[in-house]
Amino acid sequence: MTVKDVAQFMLKELNKKGSLPQVGLVDIIKEKFGDEFVFETTHGTLTIDRKVIREFNKIKNKDIIWDKDGCCWSYI
């Protein structure tokens, strides 16, 4: 599996659901793709690896935004 595979998975999920909350997604990515696509912050929180986020940002449409308050990606 590659970073691009994970980013494409995220985009598919977003298209299916209309929004993509980060909560829970990190666990799915870890289980489905492996530990190399997530990391633990200094606060002990598991999050999506930055290289995955960068790739996702490259392949997503411009009408997909990060909603900081809702901690999710969604369409504008």
C-alpha atoms as a PDB file:
ATOM      1  CA  MET A   1       0.000   0.000   0.000  1.00  0.00           C
ATOM      2  CA  THR A   2       1.085   3.534  -0.723  1.00  0.00           C
ATOM      3  CA  VAL A   3       0.291   7.036   0.509  1.00  0.00           C
ATOM      4  CA  LYS A   4      -1.683   7.532  -2.694  1.00  0.00           C
ATOM      5  CA  ASP A   5      -3.792   4.431  -1.938  1.00  0.00           C
ATOM      6  CA  VAL A   6      -4.719   5.875   1.454  1.00  0.00           C
ATOM      7  CA  ALA A   7      -5.518   9.307  -0.002  1.00  0.00           C
ATOM      8  CA  GLN A   8      -7.706   7.737  -2.689  1.00  0.00           C
ATOM      9  CA  PHE A   9      -9.503   5.707  -0.020  1.00  0.00           C
ATOM     10  CA  MET A  10     -10.179   8.925   1.899  1.00  0.00           C
ATOM     11  CA  LEU A  11     -11.551  10.607  -1.228  1.00  0.00           C
ATOM     12  CA  LYS A  12     -13.844   7.654  -1.963  1.00  0.00           C
ATOM     13  CA  GLU A  13     -15.164   7.725   1.600  1.00  0.00           C
ATOM     14  CA  LEU A  14     -15.759  11.469   1.390  1.00  0.00           C
ATOM     15  CA  ASN A  15     -17.649  11.061  -1.882  1.00  0.00           C
ATOM     16  CA  LYS A  16     -19.819   8.303  -0.375  1.00  0.00           C
ATOM     17  CA  LYS A  17     -20.632  10.107   2.852  1.00  0.00           C
ATOM     18  CA  GLY A  18     -20.500  13.806   1.908  1.00  0.00           C
ATOM     19  CA  SER A  19     -18.118  14.567   4.766  1.00  0.00           C
ATOM     20  CA  LEU A  20     -15.104  12.842   6.251  1.00  0.00           C
ATOM     21  CA  PRO A  21     -14.545  13.238  10.008  1.00  0.00           C
ATOM     22  CA  GLN A  22     -10.977  12.670  11.143  1.00  0.00           C
ATOM     23  CA  VAL A  23     -12.233  10.998  14.332  1.00  0.00           C
ATOM     24  CA  GLY A  24     -12.493   7.298  13.656  1.00  0.00           C
ATOM     25  CA  LEU A  25     -10.858   7.628  10.239  1.00  0.00           C
ATOM     26  CA  VAL A  26      -7.390   7.327  11.722  1.00  0.00           C
ATOM     27  CA  ASP A  27      -8.325   3.972  13.279  1.00  0.00           C
ATOM     28  CA  ILE A  28      -9.698   2.723   9.955  1.00  0.00           C
ATOM     29  CA  ILE A  29      -6.528   3.818   8.142  1.00  0.00           C
ATOM     30  CA  LYS A  30      -4.327   2.105  10.726  1.00  0.00           C
ATOM     31  CA  GLU A  31      -6.324  -1.122  10.529  1.00  0.00           C
ATOM     32  CA  LYS A  32      -6.751  -1.163   6.749  1.00  0.00           C
ATOM     33  CA  PHE A  33      -3.372   0.208   5.613  1.00  0.00           C
ATOM     34  CA  GLY A  34      -0.945  -0.082   8.540  1.00  0.00           C
ATOM     35  CA  ASP A  35       0.945   1.886  11.156  1.00  0.00           C
ATOM     36  CA  GLU A  36       3.127   3.736   8.639  1.00  0.00           C
ATOM     37  CA  PHE A  37       0.170   5.925   7.638  1.00  0.00           C
ATOM     38  CA  VAL A  38      -0.628   7.211  11.134  1.00  0.00           C
ATOM     39  CA  PHE A  39       1.419   8.658  13.966  1.00  0.00           C
ATOM     40  CA  GLU A  40       1.072   9.510  17.616  1.00  0.00           C
ATOM     41  CA  THR A  41       1.279  13.181  18.582  1.00  0.00           C
ATOM     42  CA  THR A  42       3.215  14.456  21.586  1.00  0.00           C
ATOM     43  CA  HIS A  43      -0.130  14.483  23.423  1.00  0.00           C
ATOM     44  CA  GLY A  44      -0.597  10.773  22.742  1.00  0.00           C
ATOM     45  CA  THR A  45      -3.320  11.261  20.132  1.00  0.00           C
ATOM     46  CA  LEU A  46      -3.273   9.058  17.052  1.00  0.00           C
ATOM     47  CA  THR A  47      -3.592  11.068  13.832  1.00  0.00           C
ATOM     48  CA  ILE A  48      -3.242  10.673  10.073  1.00  0.00           C
ATOM     49  CA  ASP A  49       0.341  10.990   8.861  1.00  0.00           C
ATOM     50  CA  ARG A  50       1.172  14.313   7.202  1.00  0.00           C
ATOM     51  CA  LYS A  51       2.352  12.612   4.009  1.00  0.00           C
ATOM     52  CA  VAL A  52      -1.162  11.152   3.604  1.00  0.00           C
ATOM     53  CA  ILE A  53      -2.748  14.570   4.186  1.00  0.00           C
ATOM     54  CA  ARG A  54      -0.416  16.171   1.620  1.00  0.00           C
ATOM     55  CA  GLU A  55      -1.326  13.536  -0.968  1.00  0.00           C
ATOM     56  CA  PHE A  56      -5.030  13.904  -0.189  1.00  0.00           C
ATOM     57  CA  ASN A  57      -4.741  17.661  -0.694  1.00  0.00           C
ATOM     58  CA  LYS A  58      -3.137  17.058  -4.095  1.00  0.00           C
ATOM     59  CA  ILE A  59      -5.911  14.781  -5.383  1.00  0.00           C
ATOM     60  CA  LYS A  60      -9.003  16.393  -3.861  1.00  0.00           C
ATOM     61  CA  ASN A  61     -11.169  18.882  -5.696  1.00  0.00           C
ATOM     62  CA  LYS A  62     -10.987  22.552  -4.816  1.00  0.00           C
ATOM     63  CA  ASP A  63     -14.561  22.358  -3.517  1.00  0.00           C
ATOM     64  CA  ILE A  64     -13.443  20.114  -0.641  1.00  0.00           C
ATOM     65  CA  ILE A  65     -12.381  22.010   2.469  1.00  0.00           C
ATOM     66  CA  TRP A  66     -11.132  21.212   5.938  1.00  0.00           C
ATOM     67  CA  ASP A  67     -13.679  22.268   8.564  1.00  0.00           C
ATOM     68  CA  LYS A  68     -11.505  23.038  11.555  1.00  0.00           C
ATOM     69  CA  ASP A  69     -14.435  23.327  13.974  1.00  0.00           C
ATOM     70  CA  GLY A  70     -15.954  20.003  12.880  1.00  0.00           C
ATOM     71  CA  CYS A  71     -12.567  18.305  12.386  1.00  0.00           C
ATOM     72  CA  CYS A  72     -13.701  16.960   9.028  1.00  0.00           C
ATOM     73  CA  TRP A  73     -13.362  17.415   5.299  1.00  0.00           C
ATOM     74  CA  SER A  74     -16.515  18.387   3.439  1.00  0.00           C
ATOM     75  CA  TYR A  75     -17.784  19.947   0.243  1.00  0.00           C
ATOM     76  CA  ILE A  76     -18.457  23.678   0.155  1.00  0.00           C
END
